[in-house]
N, C-alpha and C. Protein backbone atom coordinates (compact mmCIF):
# COMPACT_ATOMS: atom_id res chain seq x y z
N MET A 1 91.20 110.13 101.28
CA MET A 1 91.48 109.65 102.39
C MET A 1 92.25 110.63 103.06
N ASN A 2 92.20 111.66 104.05
CA ASN A 2 93.23 112.12 104.60
C ASN A 2 92.93 112.09 106.29
N GLY A 3 92.93 110.49 106.47
CA GLY A 3 93.61 110.13 107.99
C GLY A 3 92.47 110.41 108.82
N ASN A 4 91.07 110.74 108.70
CA ASN A 4 90.22 111.54 109.62
C ASN A 4 88.71 110.81 109.21
N ASP A 5 88.81 109.82 108.46
CA ASP A 5 87.68 109.47 107.62
C ASP A 5 87.98 108.15 108.14
N ILE A 6 86.96 107.50 107.84
CA ILE A 6 86.46 106.33 108.61
C ILE A 6 87.09 105.33 107.41
N MET A 7 88.43 104.59 107.63
CA MET A 7 88.29 103.41 106.55
C MET A 7 87.67 102.21 106.72
N PRO A 8 87.60 101.66 105.74
CA PRO A 8 86.61 100.34 105.50
C PRO A 8 86.82 99.06 106.81
N GLN A 9 86.09 98.47 107.36
CA GLN A 9 87.21 97.05 108.03
C GLN A 9 88.11 96.17 107.06
N LEU A 10 87.38 95.87 105.93
CA LEU A 10 88.32 95.09 105.20
C LEU A 10 87.98 95.33 104.44
N ILE A 11 89.11 95.30 102.90
CA ILE A 11 89.01 96.08 101.84
C ILE A 11 89.90 94.32 101.07
N THR A 12 89.72 94.42 99.71
CA THR A 12 89.86 93.09 99.18
C THR A 12 90.78 93.48 97.97
N VAL A 13 91.62 93.09 97.88
CA VAL A 13 92.90 94.06 96.42
C VAL A 13 93.36 92.77 95.79
N ILE A 14 92.45 92.71 94.18
CA ILE A 14 92.89 91.48 93.24
C ILE A 14 94.31 92.33 92.10
N ILE A 15 95.34 91.88 92.36
CA ILE A 15 96.49 92.37 91.62
C ILE A 15 96.39 91.48 90.21
N PRO A 16 95.98 91.99 89.66
CA PRO A 16 95.63 91.53 87.82
C PRO A 16 97.09 90.88 87.27
N ASN A 17 97.86 91.28 87.35
CA ASN A 17 99.00 90.58 85.69
C ASN A 17 99.66 89.35 86.52
N ASP A 18 99.06 88.48 86.16
CA ASP A 18 99.42 87.07 86.68
C ASP A 18 100.14 85.57 85.08
N HIS A 19 100.28 84.97 86.10
CA HIS A 19 101.27 84.09 85.09
C HIS A 19 100.71 83.77 83.92
N GLY A 20 99.25 83.93 83.47
CA GLY A 20 98.69 82.83 82.48
C GLY A 20 98.95 84.42 81.43
N ALA A 21 99.39 85.30 81.63
CA ALA A 21 99.82 86.60 80.43
C ALA A 21 101.00 85.81 79.85
N GLY A 22 101.09 86.25 78.25
CA GLY A 22 102.42 85.91 77.95
C GLY A 22 103.49 87.28 77.78
N ASP A 23 104.69 86.94 77.20
CA ASP A 23 105.68 87.88 77.30
C ASP A 23 105.16 88.86 75.98
N ARG A 24 105.63 90.53 76.40
CA ARG A 24 105.49 91.02 75.32
C ARG A 24 106.81 92.14 75.76
N PRO A 25 107.46 91.72 74.98
CA PRO A 25 109.42 92.70 75.25
C PRO A 25 108.81 94.39 75.07
N ASP A 26 108.31 94.67 73.87
CA ASP A 26 108.50 96.10 73.24
C ASP A 26 107.63 96.38 74.15
N ALA A 27 106.49 96.13 75.61
CA ALA A 27 106.08 96.42 76.41
C ALA A 27 106.58 96.90 77.60
N GLY A 28 107.66 95.99 78.01
CA GLY A 28 108.69 96.10 78.87
C GLY A 28 108.33 95.20 80.08
N TYR A 29 107.53 93.73 79.09
CA TYR A 29 107.48 92.30 79.65
C TYR A 29 107.92 91.68 78.72
N PRO A 30 109.42 91.44 78.84
CA PRO A 30 110.03 90.34 78.15
C PRO A 30 110.01 89.08 78.62
N PHE A 31 109.45 88.73 79.62
CA PHE A 31 109.15 87.15 80.50
C PHE A 31 107.85 87.25 80.39
N ARG A 32 107.45 85.55 80.92
CA ARG A 32 106.08 85.89 81.39
C ARG A 32 106.36 85.95 83.21
N GLU A 33 107.46 85.99 83.77
CA GLU A 33 107.48 86.50 84.97
C GLU A 33 107.37 87.80 85.00
N SER A 34 107.27 88.44 84.28
CA SER A 34 107.79 89.85 83.88
C SER A 34 106.61 90.16 85.09
N TYR A 35 105.58 89.75 84.57
CA TYR A 35 104.28 90.65 85.33
C TYR A 35 103.65 90.06 86.94
N MET A 36 104.69 89.06 87.37
CA MET A 36 104.49 88.57 88.59
C MET A 36 105.30 90.02 89.11
N ALA A 37 106.15 90.32 88.66
CA ALA A 37 107.39 91.35 89.32
C ALA A 37 106.37 92.60 89.10
N ASP A 38 105.78 92.61 88.02
CA ASP A 38 104.84 93.70 88.00
C ASP A 38 104.16 94.13 88.77
N ASN A 39 103.44 92.88 89.52
CA ASN A 39 102.26 92.62 90.77
C ASN A 39 103.62 93.07 92.07
N ASP A 40 104.59 92.57 91.61
CA ASP A 40 105.48 92.45 93.38
C ASP A 40 105.34 94.06 93.36
N LEU A 41 105.65 94.92 92.10
CA LEU A 41 105.85 96.03 92.95
C LEU A 41 104.48 97.13 93.05
N ALA A 42 103.69 96.58 92.75
CA ALA A 42 102.05 97.20 92.72
C ALA A 42 102.06 96.87 94.43
N VAL A 43 102.34 95.78 94.86
CA VAL A 43 102.00 94.86 96.23
C VAL A 43 103.13 96.33 96.96
N GLY A 44 103.81 96.41 96.72
CA GLY A 44 104.99 96.78 97.65
C GLY A 44 104.60 98.02 97.50
N ARG A 45 104.27 99.15 96.41
CA ARG A 45 103.58 99.82 96.10
C ARG A 45 102.87 100.69 97.43
N ILE A 46 101.79 99.80 96.99
CA ILE A 46 100.68 100.03 98.32
C ILE A 46 101.05 99.88 100.01
N ILE A 47 101.77 98.68 99.71
CA ILE A 47 102.01 98.99 101.17
C ILE A 47 103.10 99.58 101.80
N GLU A 48 103.96 100.51 100.71
CA GLU A 48 104.41 102.01 100.94
C GLU A 48 103.48 102.72 101.48
N TYR A 49 102.79 103.04 100.33
CA TYR A 49 101.78 104.07 101.23
C TYR A 49 101.03 103.72 102.28
N LEU A 50 100.01 102.63 102.56
CA LEU A 50 99.58 102.34 103.71
C LEU A 50 100.26 102.40 105.07
N SER A 51 101.51 102.17 104.03
CA SER A 51 102.18 102.59 105.75
C SER A 51 102.80 103.55 106.89
N ARG A 52 102.68 104.49 105.98
CA ARG A 52 102.27 106.22 105.88
C ARG A 52 101.47 106.42 106.32
N THR A 53 100.24 106.32 106.60
CA THR A 53 99.01 106.56 107.03
C THR A 53 98.52 106.38 107.86
N PRO A 54 97.59 107.00 108.67
CA PRO A 54 97.37 106.86 110.11
C PRO A 54 96.85 105.61 110.19
N TYR A 55 96.19 105.12 109.70
CA TYR A 55 95.58 103.70 109.45
C TYR A 55 96.48 102.79 109.83
N TRP A 56 97.88 102.94 110.00
CA TRP A 56 98.80 101.79 109.36
C TRP A 56 98.51 101.19 111.21
N GLU A 57 98.56 101.63 111.88
CA GLU A 57 98.56 101.19 113.46
C GLU A 57 97.60 100.33 113.99
N ASN A 58 96.87 100.12 113.21
CA ASN A 58 95.77 99.17 113.67
C ASN A 58 95.38 98.11 112.45
N MET A 59 96.39 98.39 110.90
CA MET A 59 96.00 97.51 109.95
C MET A 59 97.13 96.27 109.72
N LEU A 60 96.21 95.08 109.42
CA LEU A 60 96.75 94.05 109.04
C LEU A 60 96.83 93.72 107.19
N ILE A 61 97.56 93.61 106.62
CA ILE A 61 97.38 92.81 105.41
C ILE A 61 98.24 91.82 105.03
N VAL A 62 96.72 91.04 104.58
CA VAL A 62 97.43 89.46 104.51
C VAL A 62 97.44 89.02 102.76
N ILE A 63 98.23 88.87 102.06
CA ILE A 63 98.99 88.23 101.16
C ILE A 63 98.65 86.92 100.72
N THR A 64 97.94 86.25 99.96
CA THR A 64 98.36 84.61 99.31
C THR A 64 97.56 84.97 98.24
N GLU A 65 97.67 83.59 97.43
CA GLU A 65 97.52 83.64 96.00
C GLU A 65 96.26 82.67 96.07
N ASP A 66 95.66 82.48 94.78
CA ASP A 66 94.55 81.26 94.51
C ASP A 66 94.15 80.09 95.10
N ASP A 67 95.66 80.05 94.22
CA ASP A 67 96.35 78.25 94.55
C ASP A 67 97.84 78.17 94.24
N ALA A 68 98.32 77.09 94.12
CA ALA A 68 99.42 76.56 94.44
C ALA A 68 99.73 76.92 92.88
N GLN A 69 99.16 76.85 91.90
CA GLN A 69 99.78 76.80 90.22
C GLN A 69 100.46 75.49 90.03
N ASN A 70 102.01 76.00 89.74
CA ASN A 70 102.97 75.50 89.27
C ASN A 70 104.23 75.31 90.57
N GLY A 71 103.83 75.87 92.09
CA GLY A 71 104.32 76.26 92.92
C GLY A 71 105.20 74.65 93.24
N VAL A 72 104.90 73.45 93.26
CA VAL A 72 105.65 72.74 93.67
C VAL A 72 107.00 72.66 94.43
N ASP A 73 106.98 72.00 95.66
CA ASP A 73 108.06 72.20 96.04
C ASP A 73 108.81 71.06 97.04
N HIS A 74 109.69 70.56 97.82
CA HIS A 74 109.79 69.96 98.23
C HIS A 74 109.02 69.54 99.55
N ILE A 75 107.98 69.84 99.88
CA ILE A 75 107.30 69.62 101.35
C ILE A 75 105.66 68.90 100.33
N ASP A 76 104.98 69.43 99.78
CA ASP A 76 103.72 69.57 99.60
C ASP A 76 103.67 70.51 98.32
N ALA A 77 102.73 69.96 97.68
CA ALA A 77 102.82 70.55 96.01
C ALA A 77 101.32 71.49 96.10
N HIS A 78 100.48 70.86 97.67
CA HIS A 78 99.12 71.95 98.03
C HIS A 78 99.14 73.20 98.38
N ARG A 79 101.27 73.07 98.88
CA ARG A 79 101.22 74.67 99.80
C ARG A 79 101.24 75.78 98.44
N SER A 80 100.87 76.83 99.17
CA SER A 80 101.00 78.63 99.16
C SER A 80 100.99 79.43 99.20
N ILE A 81 101.86 80.35 98.16
CA ILE A 81 102.47 81.69 99.43
C ILE A 81 101.11 82.34 100.79
N LEU A 82 102.17 82.57 101.84
CA LEU A 82 100.82 83.48 102.86
C LEU A 82 101.84 84.35 103.44
N MET A 83 101.52 85.89 103.32
CA MET A 83 102.80 86.59 103.88
C MET A 83 101.69 87.43 104.84
N LEU A 84 102.07 88.18 105.89
CA LEU A 84 100.72 89.24 106.70
C LEU A 84 101.66 90.10 106.87
N ILE A 85 101.81 91.42 106.95
CA ILE A 85 102.63 92.79 106.90
C ILE A 85 101.47 93.91 108.36
N SER A 86 101.76 93.59 109.25
CA SER A 86 101.35 94.49 110.37
C SER A 86 102.36 95.17 111.24
N PRO A 87 102.08 96.19 111.75
CA PRO A 87 102.85 96.83 112.81
C PRO A 87 102.79 95.46 113.88
N TRP A 88 101.46 94.72 114.23
CA TRP A 88 101.43 94.03 114.92
C TRP A 88 102.17 92.51 114.64
N VAL A 89 102.46 92.06 113.62
CA VAL A 89 103.12 90.65 112.87
C VAL A 89 104.77 90.50 113.59
N LYS A 90 105.11 89.51 113.75
CA LYS A 90 106.51 89.21 114.09
C LYS A 90 107.15 89.85 112.99
N LYS A 91 108.61 90.42 112.96
CA LYS A 91 109.47 90.55 112.24
C LYS A 91 110.24 88.99 111.49
N ASP A 92 110.31 89.07 110.36
CA ASP A 92 111.05 87.80 109.74
C ASP A 92 110.85 86.37 110.41
N PHE A 93 109.64 86.59 110.43
CA PHE A 93 109.13 85.53 111.17
C PHE A 93 108.16 84.47 110.24
N VAL A 94 108.98 83.06 110.24
CA VAL A 94 108.60 81.86 109.28
C VAL A 94 107.40 81.09 110.35
N SER A 95 105.80 80.72 110.00
CA SER A 95 105.24 79.98 111.27
C SER A 95 105.52 79.04 110.37
N HIS A 96 105.49 77.46 111.52
CA HIS A 96 105.68 76.14 111.11
C HIS A 96 104.21 75.20 111.26
N CYS A 97 103.03 76.54 111.39
CA CYS A 97 101.97 75.78 111.87
C CYS A 97 101.21 75.65 109.92
N HIS A 98 100.40 74.65 110.23
CA HIS A 98 99.20 74.40 109.56
C HIS A 98 98.54 74.86 109.26
N TYR A 99 98.25 76.05 108.28
CA TYR A 99 97.32 77.20 107.87
C TYR A 99 96.47 76.64 106.49
N SER A 100 94.81 77.06 106.19
CA SER A 100 94.24 76.92 105.45
C SER A 100 93.80 78.12 104.81
N PHE A 101 92.62 78.23 104.30
CA PHE A 101 91.95 79.41 103.91
C PHE A 101 91.12 79.33 105.06
N GLY A 102 90.86 78.51 105.58
CA GLY A 102 89.57 78.46 106.51
C GLY A 102 90.49 79.18 107.80
N SER A 103 92.08 79.42 107.84
CA SER A 103 92.38 79.87 108.48
C SER A 103 92.97 81.60 108.69
N LEU A 104 92.31 81.76 106.93
CA LEU A 104 92.23 83.32 106.60
C LEU A 104 91.36 83.76 107.30
N PHE A 105 90.36 83.17 106.80
CA PHE A 105 88.76 83.47 107.72
C PHE A 105 88.30 83.67 108.61
N LYS A 106 88.95 82.61 109.28
CA LYS A 106 89.01 82.54 111.20
C LYS A 106 89.59 83.81 111.62
N THR A 107 90.65 84.37 110.86
CA THR A 107 91.25 85.48 111.42
C THR A 107 90.65 86.62 111.05
N PHE A 108 89.95 86.50 110.01
CA PHE A 108 89.56 88.00 109.56
C PHE A 108 88.39 88.09 110.99
N TRP A 109 87.35 87.03 110.93
CA TRP A 109 86.24 86.96 111.78
C TRP A 109 86.44 87.11 113.25
N ASN A 110 87.68 86.89 113.76
CA ASN A 110 87.81 87.07 115.27
C ASN A 110 88.51 88.53 115.04
N ILE A 111 89.03 89.06 114.27
CA ILE A 111 89.38 90.40 114.02
C ILE A 111 88.33 91.45 113.77
N LEU A 112 87.22 90.98 113.61
CA LEU A 112 86.28 92.02 113.18
C LEU A 112 84.98 91.52 114.13
N GLY A 113 85.28 90.60 114.77
CA GLY A 113 84.35 89.97 115.77
C GLY A 113 83.13 89.93 115.33
N LEU A 114 83.02 88.84 114.44
CA LEU A 114 82.03 88.23 113.63
C LEU A 114 81.91 87.20 114.09
N PRO A 115 80.77 86.03 113.95
CA PRO A 115 80.63 84.70 113.95
C PRO A 115 81.35 84.08 112.85
N TYR A 116 81.48 82.56 112.83
CA TYR A 116 82.03 82.39 111.89
C TYR A 116 81.12 81.38 110.86
N LEU A 117 80.85 81.44 109.55
CA LEU A 117 80.59 81.08 108.58
C LEU A 117 80.02 79.70 108.39
N ASN A 118 80.72 78.84 109.14
CA ASN A 118 80.21 77.36 108.87
C ASN A 118 81.60 76.47 110.07
N GLN A 119 81.92 74.91 109.63
CA GLN A 119 82.66 74.50 110.42
C GLN A 119 83.94 74.17 110.00
N TYR A 120 84.20 74.65 108.68
CA TYR A 120 85.37 75.07 108.22
C TYR A 120 86.35 75.96 109.09
N ASP A 121 85.47 77.38 109.11
CA ASP A 121 86.17 78.49 109.50
C ASP A 121 86.36 78.04 111.32
N ALA A 122 85.31 77.78 111.80
CA ALA A 122 85.66 77.54 113.03
C ALA A 122 86.56 76.21 113.94
N GLY A 123 86.90 75.59 112.70
CA GLY A 123 87.54 74.11 113.14
C GLY A 123 89.37 74.46 112.76
N ALA A 124 89.09 75.74 111.45
CA ALA A 124 90.83 76.05 111.12
C ALA A 124 91.25 76.62 112.35
N THR A 125 93.13 76.33 112.70
CA THR A 125 94.02 77.05 112.77
C THR A 125 93.66 78.57 112.71
N ASP A 126 93.72 79.44 113.47
CA ASP A 126 93.70 80.73 113.32
C ASP A 126 95.56 81.23 113.24
N LEU A 127 95.17 82.50 112.84
CA LEU A 127 96.76 82.90 113.06
C LEU A 127 98.26 83.65 113.21
N SER A 128 97.37 83.27 115.07
CA SER A 128 97.72 83.92 116.06
C SER A 128 98.76 83.82 116.30
N ASP A 129 99.85 83.21 115.75
CA ASP A 129 101.05 82.19 116.22
C ASP A 129 102.17 83.57 115.24
N PHE A 130 101.27 84.31 114.20
CA PHE A 130 102.03 85.42 113.53
C PHE A 130 102.00 86.33 114.70
N PHE A 131 101.57 87.05 115.22
CA PHE A 131 101.62 88.31 116.17
C PHE A 131 102.36 88.51 117.30
N THR A 132 102.48 89.66 117.55
CA THR A 132 103.53 90.12 118.59
C THR A 132 102.58 91.19 119.61
N GLY A 133 102.83 91.07 120.22
CA GLY A 133 102.52 92.45 121.62
C GLY A 133 103.23 93.46 121.56
N THR A 134 104.20 93.22 120.86
CA THR A 134 104.63 94.89 121.06
C THR A 134 105.32 94.79 119.34
N PRO A 135 103.85 96.26 119.06
CA PRO A 135 104.21 96.55 117.86
C PRO A 135 105.38 97.18 117.12
N ASP A 136 105.53 97.08 115.89
CA ASP A 136 106.99 97.90 115.01
C ASP A 136 105.97 98.98 114.58
N TYR A 137 105.91 100.17 114.38
CA TYR A 137 105.10 101.03 113.39
C TYR A 137 106.19 101.69 112.15
N THR A 138 107.39 100.75 111.93
CA THR A 138 107.79 101.46 110.84
C THR A 138 107.73 101.40 109.90
N PRO A 139 107.63 102.09 109.21
CA PRO A 139 107.08 102.04 107.04
C PRO A 139 108.13 101.38 106.29
N TYR A 140 107.23 101.05 105.57
CA TYR A 140 107.53 100.20 104.46
C TYR A 140 107.97 100.96 103.58
N ASN A 141 109.51 100.39 102.79
CA ASN A 141 109.79 100.81 101.55
C ASN A 141 109.86 100.00 100.64
N ALA A 142 108.88 100.27 99.46
CA ALA A 142 108.88 99.23 98.23
C ALA A 142 110.43 99.20 97.75
N LEU A 143 110.96 98.10 97.15
CA LEU A 143 111.96 97.29 96.64
C LEU A 143 111.69 97.88 95.14
N PRO A 144 112.91 98.23 94.28
CA PRO A 144 112.59 98.26 92.89
C PRO A 144 112.72 97.03 92.53
N VAL A 145 112.50 96.97 91.23
CA VAL A 145 112.68 95.54 90.35
C VAL A 145 113.53 95.71 89.55
N ASP A 146 113.96 94.60 89.08
CA ASP A 146 115.38 94.03 88.39
C ASP A 146 114.87 94.50 87.10
N LYS A 147 115.69 95.52 86.67
CA LYS A 147 114.54 95.94 85.57
C LYS A 147 115.38 95.03 83.97
N ARG A 148 116.20 94.09 84.06
CA ARG A 148 116.34 92.76 83.39
C ARG A 148 114.66 92.26 83.13
N ILE A 149 114.07 92.28 84.10
CA ILE A 149 112.96 90.94 83.99
C ILE A 149 111.90 91.94 83.92
N PHE A 150 111.33 92.99 84.46
CA PHE A 150 110.72 94.05 84.29
C PHE A 150 110.89 95.51 84.49
N ASP A 151 110.70 96.33 83.23
CA ASP A 151 111.27 97.81 83.70
C ASP A 151 109.88 98.70 83.66
N PRO A 152 109.43 99.16 84.91
CA PRO A 152 108.16 99.95 85.27
C PRO A 152 107.90 101.31 84.22
N GLN A 153 109.31 102.05 84.10
CA GLN A 153 109.03 102.81 83.15
C GLN A 153 108.91 102.59 81.72
N LYS A 154 109.64 101.76 81.04
CA LYS A 154 109.03 100.99 79.80
C LYS A 154 107.62 100.50 79.53
N ALA A 155 107.16 99.82 80.76
CA ALA A 155 105.91 99.50 80.40
C ALA A 155 104.29 100.59 81.18
N LEU A 156 105.44 102.16 81.96
CA LEU A 156 104.44 103.02 81.96
C LEU A 156 104.83 104.28 81.23
N ASP A 157 105.57 104.51 80.82
CA ASP A 157 106.01 105.66 80.36
C ASP A 157 104.85 106.00 78.52
N PRO A 158 103.85 106.72 79.13
CA PRO A 158 103.40 107.37 77.79
C PRO A 158 103.78 107.98 76.96
N PHE A 159 105.28 108.85 77.50
CA PHE A 159 105.64 109.57 76.49
C PHE A 159 106.86 108.87 75.32
N ASP A 160 106.47 107.35 75.53
CA ASP A 160 107.94 106.87 75.13
C ASP A 160 106.80 106.51 73.55
N GLU A 161 107.34 106.76 71.84
CA GLU A 161 107.20 106.62 71.05
C GLU A 161 106.76 104.93 70.86
N ASP A 162 106.82 104.32 71.19
CA ASP A 162 107.02 102.78 71.20
C ASP A 162 105.51 102.26 72.19
N PHE A 163 105.19 103.32 72.70
CA PHE A 163 104.50 102.73 74.24
C PHE A 163 103.08 102.10 73.64
N ASP A 164 102.83 100.47 73.90
CA ASP A 164 101.25 100.11 73.73
C ASP A 164 99.91 100.23 73.97
N TRP A 165 99.93 101.53 73.41
CA TRP A 165 98.09 102.40 74.22
C TRP A 165 97.21 101.08 73.52
N LYS A 166 97.14 99.92 72.91
CA LYS A 166 96.63 99.28 72.43
C LYS A 166 96.27 98.25 73.69
N ALA A 167 97.11 97.82 74.09
CA ALA A 167 97.43 96.83 75.12
C ALA A 167 96.44 97.27 76.85
N VAL A 168 96.84 98.81 76.58
CA VAL A 168 95.85 100.06 78.09
C VAL A 168 93.96 99.37 77.41
N GLU A 169 93.94 99.92 75.96
CA GLU A 169 92.72 100.29 75.99
C GLU A 169 91.99 98.92 75.93
N GLU A 170 92.60 97.53 75.81
CA GLU A 170 91.65 96.54 76.36
C GLU A 170 91.86 95.66 77.48
N SER A 171 93.24 96.77 77.99
CA SER A 171 92.93 95.95 79.58
C SER A 171 91.45 95.99 80.48
N PRO A 172 91.11 95.02 81.25
CA PRO A 172 89.86 95.21 81.41
C PRO A 172 89.82 96.29 83.03
N LEU A 173 88.94 97.13 82.91
CA LEU A 173 88.50 98.11 84.07
C LEU A 173 89.04 97.72 85.77
N ILE A 174 89.38 97.78 86.18
CA ILE A 174 89.63 98.08 87.98
C ILE A 174 88.00 97.66 88.50
N ASP A 175 87.77 96.78 89.33
CA ASP A 175 86.47 96.30 89.83
C ASP A 175 85.32 96.30 88.84
N ASN A 176 85.57 95.48 87.43
CA ASN A 176 84.26 95.96 86.58
C ASN A 176 83.45 94.27 86.53
N MET A 177 82.53 94.37 87.30
CA MET A 177 81.85 93.40 87.52
C MET A 177 81.81 92.43 86.03
N GLU A 178 81.40 93.06 84.89
CA GLU A 178 81.16 92.12 84.20
C GLU A 178 82.42 91.55 83.26
N ASP A 179 83.66 92.10 83.52
CA ASP A 179 84.90 91.79 83.38
C ASP A 179 85.27 90.45 83.97
N MET A 180 84.93 90.45 85.92
CA MET A 180 84.83 89.57 86.31
C MET A 180 84.15 88.22 86.30
N VAL A 181 83.08 88.67 85.43
CA VAL A 181 81.80 87.43 85.11
C VAL A 181 82.39 86.72 84.04
N ARG A 182 83.05 87.70 82.93
CA ARG A 182 83.24 86.96 82.29
C ARG A 182 84.71 86.27 82.14
N GLU A 183 85.52 86.45 82.98
CA GLU A 183 86.42 86.02 83.10
C GLU A 183 86.69 84.71 84.55
N SER A 184 85.67 84.75 84.40
CA SER A 184 85.00 83.66 86.19
C SER A 184 85.22 82.32 85.35
N LYS A 185 85.69 81.27 86.45
CA LYS A 185 85.58 79.26 85.99
C LYS A 185 84.34 79.55 85.78
N GLU A 186 83.85 80.20 86.92
CA GLU A 186 82.27 79.82 87.00
C GLU A 186 81.02 79.92 85.52
N GLN A 187 81.54 79.72 84.77
CA GLN A 187 80.74 80.47 83.67
C GLN A 187 80.22 79.04 83.32
N ASP A 188 79.08 79.14 82.58
CA ASP A 188 78.10 77.68 82.63
C ASP A 188 79.11 76.77 81.61
N GLU A 189 80.15 77.12 80.59
CA GLU A 189 81.00 76.39 79.72
C GLU A 189 81.77 75.89 80.64
N TYR A 190 81.97 76.51 81.77
CA TYR A 190 83.12 75.99 82.61
C TYR A 190 82.24 75.10 83.55
N ARG A 191 80.71 74.95 83.78
CA ARG A 191 80.86 74.20 84.95
C ARG A 191 80.62 72.28 83.77
N LEU A 192 81.07 71.36 85.29
CA LEU A 192 81.00 70.23 85.20
C LEU A 192 80.01 69.83 84.58
N GLU A 193 78.37 70.05 84.98
CA GLU A 193 77.50 68.90 84.44
C GLU A 193 77.23 69.48 83.43
N ASN A 194 77.79 70.70 82.51
CA ASN A 194 77.70 71.93 81.10
C ASN A 194 78.65 70.99 80.14
N ARG A 195 79.79 70.83 80.49
CA ARG A 195 80.61 70.35 79.54
C ARG A 195 80.34 68.36 79.85
N GLU A 196 79.72 67.97 80.25
CA GLU A 196 79.49 66.20 80.63
C GLU A 196 78.21 66.51 79.34
N LYS A 197 77.06 67.17 79.52
CA LYS A 197 76.33 67.49 78.37
C LYS A 197 76.96 67.28 77.35
N LYS A 198 77.55 68.65 77.02
CA LYS A 198 78.26 68.91 75.32
C LYS A 198 79.07 67.49 75.27
N ASP A 199 79.23 67.01 76.19
CA ASP A 199 80.50 65.80 75.06
C ASP A 199 79.80 64.38 75.37
N SER A 200 78.30 64.86 75.89
CA SER A 200 77.97 63.56 75.43
C SER A 200 76.68 63.06 73.96
């Protein structure tokens, strides 16, 4: 895109390196957390790039995780990360409103001028608490990762004689539908009714 093209109004990005992966010290991932550090760096680089495009002045980036996993804290085990990034979002702001995934969808539909899908979207609190009427167009600079946790150069340097090409070959292709279906929990073997049939 050169800035003259029309950017899609909604894009979904899934960052692939999650907590389910094991450590691979020889490939630059000495801890399970290394994969999350890799994801954080990827998100930072995406935002750094987008914040320097002509589209940035009208952009909203929403970051969340699919569920709280083991992120239990002192308030509620159901809580999950939610970050909003935009020139139109209050800087260093922490909201104290209750939000849900319905809140995300309601905000998307409000911005895109689309009707709500169901009563859960319609009844949810939107994310308006985060926004400001005074935009800040300052571009974002990605921060480097602590190399003790994750060393991007070691993980991505194909000139390293110990580079793990096998891991690259075995990794799923981006947006490959067959990979998505195969790795989805919606496979028949994971459905409750099918598990119950198997156990009976």
